Amino acid sequence: MSKFCLANATPGKRAAEDSTTGPSPMKIPKVAQLKKEPPREKNDKITTNGPLNICVYKYSDCAADMVKEFKDIDDTPFYQIQMDL
């Protein structure tokens, strides 16, 4: 069993090895360089008509696999419904 050598685990040596063997790390921009986008407009009033996207995803053929309340019911499919205005 080899002994641990603290000199081999110094951060300076690791940083020097990483910079010579791999590509340079991506630079993180300064806060002053970031762009601030204006907030999106929100409708205060909900309309009674308009586009509505509905997606239905089938998770399982047996709902008992996902929900414990359905453990005694066989062959009940389990779906997820997502709506987006």
Protein backbone atom coordinates (compact mmCIF):
# COMPACT_ATOMS: atom_id res chain seq x y z
CA MET A 1 0.00 0.00 0.00
CA SER A 2 1.45 3.37 -1.00
CA LYS A 3 1.55 6.30 1.39
CA PHE A 4 -0.26 9.55 0.73
CA CYS A 5 2.09 12.41 -0.21
CA LEU A 6 0.80 15.91 0.52
CA ALA A 7 3.24 17.46 -1.96
CA ASN A 8 1.51 15.62 -4.83
CA ALA A 9 -1.90 16.95 -3.77
CA THR A 10 -1.15 20.68 -3.73
CA PRO A 11 -3.63 22.85 -5.64
CA GLY A 12 -0.89 24.73 -7.51
CA LYS A 13 0.39 21.61 -9.13
CA ARG A 14 -3.12 20.47 -10.11
CA ALA A 15 -3.97 23.84 -11.65
CA ALA A 16 -0.76 23.79 -13.67
CA GLU A 17 -1.47 20.27 -14.94
CA ASP A 18 -5.07 21.10 -15.88
CA SER A 19 -4.12 24.21 -17.86
CA THR A 20 -1.54 22.40 -19.96
CA THR A 21 -3.50 19.25 -20.73
CA GLY A 22 -7.00 20.55 -21.52
CA PRO A 23 -8.76 23.49 -23.11
CA SER A 24 -9.02 26.73 -21.19
CA PRO A 25 -12.12 27.07 -19.03
CA MET A 26 -14.99 29.30 -20.18
CA LYS A 27 -14.78 32.84 -18.84
CA ILE A 28 -17.66 34.03 -16.68
CA PRO A 29 -18.86 37.49 -17.69
CA LYS A 30 -18.92 40.34 -15.20
CA VAL A 31 -22.25 41.67 -13.99
CA ALA A 32 -21.78 44.90 -15.96
CA GLN A 33 -21.50 42.87 -19.18
CA LEU A 34 -24.83 41.07 -18.70
CA LYS A 35 -27.91 42.28 -20.55
CA LYS A 36 -31.09 42.85 -18.62
CA GLU A 37 -34.15 42.01 -20.64
CA PRO A 38 -37.42 43.83 -20.03
CA PRO A 39 -40.11 41.76 -18.33
CA ARG A 40 -42.78 40.23 -20.53
CA GLU A 41 -46.13 41.94 -20.61
CA LYS A 42 -48.82 40.28 -18.53
CA ASN A 43 -52.49 40.47 -19.25
CA ASP A 44 -54.29 41.51 -16.09
CA LYS A 45 -57.58 40.37 -17.51
CA ILE A 46 -58.20 36.75 -18.40
CA THR A 47 -60.05 36.47 -21.68
CA THR A 48 -62.98 34.11 -22.14
CA ASN A 49 -61.86 33.11 -25.60
CA GLY A 50 -58.44 32.61 -27.09
CA PRO A 51 -55.87 29.97 -27.91
CA LEU A 52 -55.40 27.15 -25.44
CA ASN A 53 -52.81 24.40 -25.79
CA ILE A 54 -53.67 21.06 -24.20
CA CYS A 55 -51.21 18.18 -24.04
CA VAL A 56 -52.17 14.73 -22.79
CA TYR A 57 -49.38 12.33 -21.83
CA LYS A 58 -49.98 8.69 -21.02
CA TYR A 59 -47.75 7.63 -18.12
CA SER A 60 -48.85 4.07 -17.51
CA ASP A 61 -51.46 1.45 -18.43
CA CYS A 62 -51.99 0.74 -14.75
CA ALA A 63 -52.66 3.70 -12.44
CA ALA A 64 -51.88 1.52 -9.42
CA ASP A 65 -48.21 1.75 -10.40
CA MET A 66 -48.25 5.49 -9.68
CA VAL A 67 -51.08 6.22 -7.21
CA LYS A 68 -51.67 4.07 -4.16
CA GLU A 69 -55.42 4.86 -4.09
CA PHE A 70 -55.84 2.81 -7.29
CA LYS A 71 -54.07 -0.31 -6.01
CA ASP A 72 -57.29 -2.40 -6.04
CA ILE A 73 -58.39 -1.26 -9.51
CA ASP A 74 -56.89 -3.08 -12.49
CA ASP A 75 -56.39 -1.82 -16.04
CA THR A 76 -56.95 1.86 -15.30
CA PRO A 77 -54.60 4.04 -17.39
CA PHE A 78 -52.81 7.00 -15.82
CA TYR A 79 -52.55 10.29 -17.77
CA GLN A 80 -51.07 13.74 -17.22
CA ILE A 81 -52.84 16.75 -18.70
CA GLN A 82 -51.01 20.07 -19.24
CA MET A 83 -52.75 23.29 -20.26
CA ASP A 84 -51.05 26.48 -21.43
CA LEU A 85 -52.78 29.75 -22.27
